[in-house]
């Protein structure tokens, strides 16, 4: 993994001055950092993926929405059952995914 990208992602988190970095920037940052520390960043990745699935950029692209939600479900399922955020983000991702099914 490119260490410069990891440093850049960590700087983005530190400079964001908020609890969760949202939007495409958050998706990029948490995807990268989840590869290194899935239990630390996975729940935030699942959260922003669900959020991003409702963004104006993908609102009219159901295939893209489903891909984001499927990724969110997989990321949440991969978290340890001991992770305090696992159940919450998994339920949120599954509920959003269920709403997409006609």
N, C-alpha and C. Protein backbone atom coordinates (compact mmCIF):
# COMPACT_ATOMS: atom_id res chain seq x y z
N UNK A 1 0.84 -1.17 0.00
CA UNK A 1 0.00 0.00 0.00
C UNK A 1 0.89 1.24 0.00
N UNK A 2 0.49 2.22 -0.75
CA UNK A 2 1.24 3.46 -0.87
C UNK A 2 1.15 4.25 0.43
N UNK A 3 2.27 4.40 1.11
CA UNK A 3 2.29 5.08 2.40
C UNK A 3 1.94 6.57 2.29
N UNK A 4 2.24 7.17 1.16
CA UNK A 4 1.85 8.58 0.97
C UNK A 4 0.33 8.73 0.96
N UNK A 5 -0.35 7.78 0.35
CA UNK A 5 -1.81 7.84 0.33
C UNK A 5 -2.38 7.62 1.74
N UNK A 6 -1.75 6.75 2.49
CA UNK A 6 -2.20 6.51 3.88
C UNK A 6 -2.02 7.78 4.70
N UNK A 7 -0.89 8.42 4.56
CA UNK A 7 -0.65 9.67 5.29
C UNK A 7 -1.66 10.73 4.86
N UNK A 8 -1.91 10.82 3.57
CA UNK A 8 -2.88 11.79 3.05
C UNK A 8 -4.28 11.51 3.64
N UNK A 9 -4.67 10.25 3.71
CA UNK A 9 -5.98 9.90 4.27
C UNK A 9 -6.05 10.27 5.75
N UNK A 10 -4.99 10.00 6.49
CA UNK A 10 -4.98 10.33 7.92
C UNK A 10 -5.02 11.85 8.13
N UNK A 11 -4.33 12.59 7.28
CA UNK A 11 -4.35 14.06 7.38
C UNK A 11 -5.75 14.57 7.09
N UNK A 12 -6.42 13.99 6.12
CA UNK A 12 -7.80 14.40 5.82
C UNK A 12 -8.70 14.22 7.04
N UNK A 13 -8.53 13.11 7.72
CA UNK A 13 -9.34 12.86 8.92
C UNK A 13 -9.03 13.88 10.01
N UNK A 14 -7.76 14.14 10.22
CA UNK A 14 -7.35 15.06 11.27
C UNK A 14 -7.78 16.50 10.96
N UNK A 15 -7.76 16.86 9.70
CA UNK A 15 -8.09 18.23 9.34
C UNK A 15 -9.59 18.45 9.14
N UNK A 16 -10.37 17.39 9.13
CA UNK A 16 -11.81 17.52 8.86
C UNK A 16 -12.55 18.20 10.00
N UNK A 17 -12.07 18.06 11.22
CA UNK A 17 -12.69 18.69 12.37
C UNK A 17 -14.16 18.27 12.55
N UNK A 18 -14.43 17.01 12.23
CA UNK A 18 -15.76 16.44 12.48
C UNK A 18 -15.59 14.96 12.74
N UNK A 19 -16.63 14.37 13.27
CA UNK A 19 -16.54 12.97 13.69
C UNK A 19 -16.42 12.00 12.52
N UNK A 20 -17.19 12.28 11.45
CA UNK A 20 -17.18 11.40 10.27
C UNK A 20 -17.00 12.27 9.03
N UNK A 21 -16.05 11.91 8.19
CA UNK A 21 -15.84 12.60 6.92
C UNK A 21 -16.84 12.00 5.93
N UNK A 22 -17.63 12.84 5.32
CA UNK A 22 -18.71 12.37 4.44
C UNK A 22 -18.39 12.58 2.97
N UNK A 23 -19.30 12.09 2.13
CA UNK A 23 -19.16 12.29 0.69
C UNK A 23 -18.11 11.39 0.07
N UNK A 24 -17.77 11.72 -1.15
CA UNK A 24 -16.79 10.91 -1.86
C UNK A 24 -15.43 10.93 -1.17
N UNK A 25 -15.11 12.05 -0.52
CA UNK A 25 -13.85 12.14 0.22
C UNK A 25 -13.85 11.13 1.37
N UNK A 26 -14.96 11.02 2.07
CA UNK A 26 -15.06 10.06 3.17
C UNK A 26 -14.98 8.63 2.67
N UNK A 27 -15.66 8.34 1.56
CA UNK A 27 -15.63 7.00 1.00
C UNK A 27 -14.18 6.63 0.66
N UNK A 28 -13.48 7.52 -0.04
CA UNK A 28 -12.10 7.24 -0.42
C UNK A 28 -11.23 7.03 0.83
N UNK A 29 -11.35 7.92 1.79
CA UNK A 29 -10.52 7.87 2.99
C UNK A 29 -10.78 6.59 3.77
N UNK A 30 -12.04 6.28 4.03
CA UNK A 30 -12.35 5.10 4.84
C UNK A 30 -12.10 3.80 4.09
N UNK A 31 -12.27 3.79 2.77
CA UNK A 31 -11.92 2.57 2.02
C UNK A 31 -10.43 2.26 2.18
N UNK A 32 -9.64 3.28 2.06
CA UNK A 32 -8.20 3.09 2.17
C UNK A 32 -7.81 2.65 3.58
N UNK A 33 -8.29 3.35 4.58
CA UNK A 33 -7.88 3.06 5.95
C UNK A 33 -8.49 1.76 6.48
N UNK A 34 -9.64 1.36 5.96
CA UNK A 34 -10.25 0.09 6.38
C UNK A 34 -9.37 -1.08 5.96
N UNK A 35 -8.64 -0.93 4.88
CA UNK A 35 -7.72 -1.99 4.47
C UNK A 35 -6.64 -2.22 5.53
N UNK A 36 -6.26 -1.17 6.22
CA UNK A 36 -5.21 -1.26 7.23
C UNK A 36 -5.75 -1.63 8.61
N UNK A 37 -6.87 -1.01 8.98
CA UNK A 37 -7.44 -1.21 10.31
C UNK A 37 -8.96 -1.35 10.19
N UNK A 38 -9.42 -2.53 9.78
CA UNK A 38 -10.84 -2.70 9.51
C UNK A 38 -11.74 -2.48 10.74
N UNK A 39 -11.30 -2.85 11.90
CA UNK A 39 -12.13 -2.68 13.09
C UNK A 39 -12.24 -1.22 13.52
N UNK A 40 -11.29 -0.41 13.14
CA UNK A 40 -11.31 1.01 13.50
C UNK A 40 -12.14 1.80 12.49
N UNK A 41 -11.95 1.53 11.21
CA UNK A 41 -12.55 2.36 10.18
C UNK A 41 -13.71 1.71 9.43
N UNK A 42 -13.92 0.42 9.59
CA UNK A 42 -14.96 -0.29 8.84
C UNK A 42 -16.36 0.22 9.11
N UNK A 43 -16.67 0.51 10.36
CA UNK A 43 -18.02 0.99 10.67
C UNK A 43 -18.27 2.36 10.04
N UNK A 44 -17.25 3.19 10.02
CA UNK A 44 -17.41 4.50 9.38
C UNK A 44 -17.54 4.36 7.87
N UNK A 45 -16.80 3.41 7.30
CA UNK A 45 -16.94 3.17 5.86
C UNK A 45 -18.35 2.72 5.53
N UNK A 46 -18.88 1.77 6.28
CA UNK A 46 -20.24 1.30 6.03
C UNK A 46 -21.23 2.45 6.16
N UNK A 47 -21.04 3.29 7.15
CA UNK A 47 -21.93 4.43 7.37
C UNK A 47 -21.92 5.38 6.18
N UNK A 48 -20.73 5.77 5.72
CA UNK A 48 -20.67 6.73 4.62
C UNK A 48 -21.09 6.11 3.28
N UNK A 49 -20.92 4.80 3.13
CA UNK A 49 -21.40 4.15 1.90
C UNK A 49 -22.92 4.22 1.82
N UNK A 50 -23.59 3.96 2.93
CA UNK A 50 -25.05 4.07 2.94
C UNK A 50 -25.47 5.51 2.66
N UNK A 51 -24.80 6.43 3.31
CA UNK A 51 -25.11 7.84 3.10
C UNK A 51 -24.88 8.24 1.64
N UNK A 52 -23.78 7.80 1.09
CA UNK A 52 -23.43 8.16 -0.30
C UNK A 52 -24.42 7.56 -1.30
N UNK A 53 -25.06 6.45 -0.94
CA UNK A 53 -26.03 5.82 -1.85
C UNK A 53 -27.25 6.70 -2.09
N UNK A 54 -27.45 7.72 -1.27
CA UNK A 54 -28.58 8.63 -1.44
C UNK A 54 -28.16 9.98 -2.00
N UNK A 55 -26.90 10.11 -2.35
CA UNK A 55 -26.40 11.40 -2.84
C UNK A 55 -26.93 11.69 -4.23
N UNK A 56 -27.01 12.97 -4.59
CA UNK A 56 -27.47 13.34 -5.93
C UNK A 56 -26.63 12.72 -7.05
N UNK A 57 -25.37 12.40 -6.77
CA UNK A 57 -24.49 11.84 -7.80
C UNK A 57 -24.94 10.45 -8.25
N UNK A 58 -25.59 9.70 -7.37
CA UNK A 58 -25.99 8.33 -7.72
C UNK A 58 -27.49 8.09 -7.59
N UNK A 59 -28.23 9.11 -7.26
CA UNK A 59 -29.67 8.96 -7.04
C UNK A 59 -30.39 8.35 -8.24
N UNK A 60 -29.95 8.67 -9.43
CA UNK A 60 -30.59 8.16 -10.64
C UNK A 60 -29.85 6.96 -11.23
N UNK A 61 -28.95 6.39 -10.46
CA UNK A 61 -28.17 5.24 -10.93
C UNK A 61 -28.39 4.06 -9.97
N UNK A 62 -29.49 3.33 -10.12
CA UNK A 62 -29.79 2.28 -9.16
C UNK A 62 -28.72 1.19 -9.05
N UNK A 63 -28.03 0.90 -10.13
CA UNK A 63 -26.98 -0.11 -10.07
C UNK A 63 -25.84 0.36 -9.17
N UNK A 64 -25.51 1.64 -9.27
CA UNK A 64 -24.44 2.21 -8.44
C UNK A 64 -24.89 2.26 -6.97
N UNK A 65 -26.16 2.62 -6.75
CA UNK A 65 -26.68 2.63 -5.39
C UNK A 65 -26.58 1.24 -4.77
N UNK A 66 -27.01 0.24 -5.52
CA UNK A 66 -26.95 -1.13 -5.01
C UNK A 66 -25.52 -1.57 -4.73
N UNK A 67 -24.61 -1.19 -5.59
CA UNK A 67 -23.20 -1.54 -5.38
C UNK A 67 -22.68 -0.93 -4.08
N UNK A 68 -23.01 0.33 -3.84
CA UNK A 68 -22.58 0.98 -2.59
C UNK A 68 -23.20 0.30 -1.38
N UNK A 69 -24.48 -0.03 -1.46
CA UNK A 69 -25.16 -0.67 -0.34
C UNK A 69 -24.65 -2.10 -0.11
N UNK A 70 -24.40 -2.82 -1.19
CA UNK A 70 -23.84 -4.16 -1.05
C UNK A 70 -22.46 -4.11 -0.39
N UNK A 71 -21.68 -3.13 -0.79
CA UNK A 71 -20.36 -2.96 -0.16
C UNK A 71 -20.51 -2.63 1.32
N UNK A 72 -21.46 -1.78 1.65
CA UNK A 72 -21.70 -1.41 3.05
C UNK A 72 -22.07 -2.64 3.88
N UNK A 73 -22.94 -3.49 3.33
CA UNK A 73 -23.35 -4.70 4.04
C UNK A 73 -22.14 -5.62 4.25
N UNK A 74 -21.34 -5.80 3.22
CA UNK A 74 -20.17 -6.68 3.33
C UNK A 74 -19.16 -6.16 4.35
N UNK A 75 -18.93 -4.86 4.31
CA UNK A 75 -17.98 -4.26 5.27
C UNK A 75 -18.49 -4.44 6.69
N UNK A 76 -19.78 -4.19 6.89
CA UNK A 76 -20.36 -4.33 8.24
C UNK A 76 -20.33 -5.77 8.70
N UNK A 77 -20.64 -6.71 7.83
CA UNK A 77 -20.60 -8.13 8.19
C UNK A 77 -19.19 -8.58 8.55
N UNK A 78 -18.19 -7.98 7.94
CA UNK A 78 -16.81 -8.36 8.18
C UNK A 78 -16.29 -7.89 9.54
N UNK A 79 -16.98 -6.95 10.15
CA UNK A 79 -16.55 -6.48 11.46
C UNK A 79 -16.72 -7.58 12.50
N UNK A 80 -15.89 -7.54 13.49
CA UNK A 80 -15.99 -8.50 14.59
C UNK A 80 -17.31 -8.32 15.32
N UNK A 81 -17.94 -9.41 15.74
CA UNK A 81 -19.15 -9.29 16.55
C UNK A 81 -18.92 -8.49 17.84
N UNK A 82 -17.69 -8.39 18.27
CA UNK A 82 -17.37 -7.61 19.47
C UNK A 82 -17.28 -6.11 19.18
N UNK A 83 -17.28 -5.74 17.92
CA UNK A 83 -17.22 -4.31 17.57
C UNK A 83 -18.52 -3.64 18.00
N UNK A 84 -18.43 -2.59 18.81
CA UNK A 84 -19.66 -1.98 19.35
C UNK A 84 -20.55 -1.31 18.30
N UNK A 85 -20.03 -1.05 17.11
CA UNK A 85 -20.80 -0.39 16.07
C UNK A 85 -21.33 -1.35 15.01
N UNK A 86 -20.89 -2.60 15.06
CA UNK A 86 -21.23 -3.57 14.02
C UNK A 86 -22.73 -3.70 13.80
N UNK A 87 -23.47 -3.99 14.84
CA UNK A 87 -24.91 -4.23 14.68
C UNK A 87 -25.63 -3.01 14.13
N UNK A 88 -25.27 -1.85 14.63
CA UNK A 88 -25.94 -0.62 14.19
C UNK A 88 -25.71 -0.35 12.71
N UNK A 89 -24.45 -0.43 12.26
CA UNK A 89 -24.18 -0.13 10.85
C UNK A 89 -24.68 -1.24 9.94
N UNK A 90 -24.65 -2.48 10.42
CA UNK A 90 -25.17 -3.59 9.62
C UNK A 90 -26.67 -3.44 9.43
N UNK A 91 -27.39 -3.14 10.48
CA UNK A 91 -28.85 -2.97 10.37
C UNK A 91 -29.18 -1.79 9.45
N UNK A 92 -28.42 -0.72 9.57
CA UNK A 92 -28.65 0.45 8.72
C UNK A 92 -28.42 0.11 7.25
N UNK A 93 -27.34 -0.63 6.97
CA UNK A 93 -27.03 -1.02 5.59
C UNK A 93 -28.07 -1.98 5.04
N UNK A 94 -28.47 -2.95 5.86
CA UNK A 94 -29.48 -3.92 5.41
C UNK A 94 -30.83 -3.25 5.16
N UNK A 95 -31.20 -2.31 6.02
CA UNK A 95 -32.47 -1.60 5.83
C UNK A 95 -32.45 -0.76 4.56
N UNK A 96 -31.35 -0.09 4.30
CA UNK A 96 -31.23 0.71 3.08
C UNK A 96 -31.26 -0.20 1.85
N UNK A 97 -30.61 -1.33 1.96
CA UNK A 97 -30.59 -2.31 0.85
C UNK A 97 -31.99 -2.83 0.59
N UNK A 98 -32.74 -3.12 1.64
CA UNK A 98 -34.10 -3.65 1.50
C UNK A 98 -35.02 -2.63 0.84
N UNK A 99 -34.79 -1.35 1.11
CA UNK A 99 -35.61 -0.31 0.48
C UNK A 99 -35.37 -0.22 -1.03
N UNK A 100 -34.25 -0.69 -1.49
CA UNK A 100 -33.93 -0.66 -2.92
C UNK A 100 -34.61 -1.79 -3.68
N UNK A 101 -35.02 -2.84 -2.99
CA UNK A 101 -35.63 -3.98 -3.63
C UNK A 101 -37.11 -3.69 -3.86
N UNK A 102 -37.56 -3.80 -5.12
CA UNK A 102 -38.98 -3.49 -5.41
C UNK A 102 -39.93 -4.51 -4.81
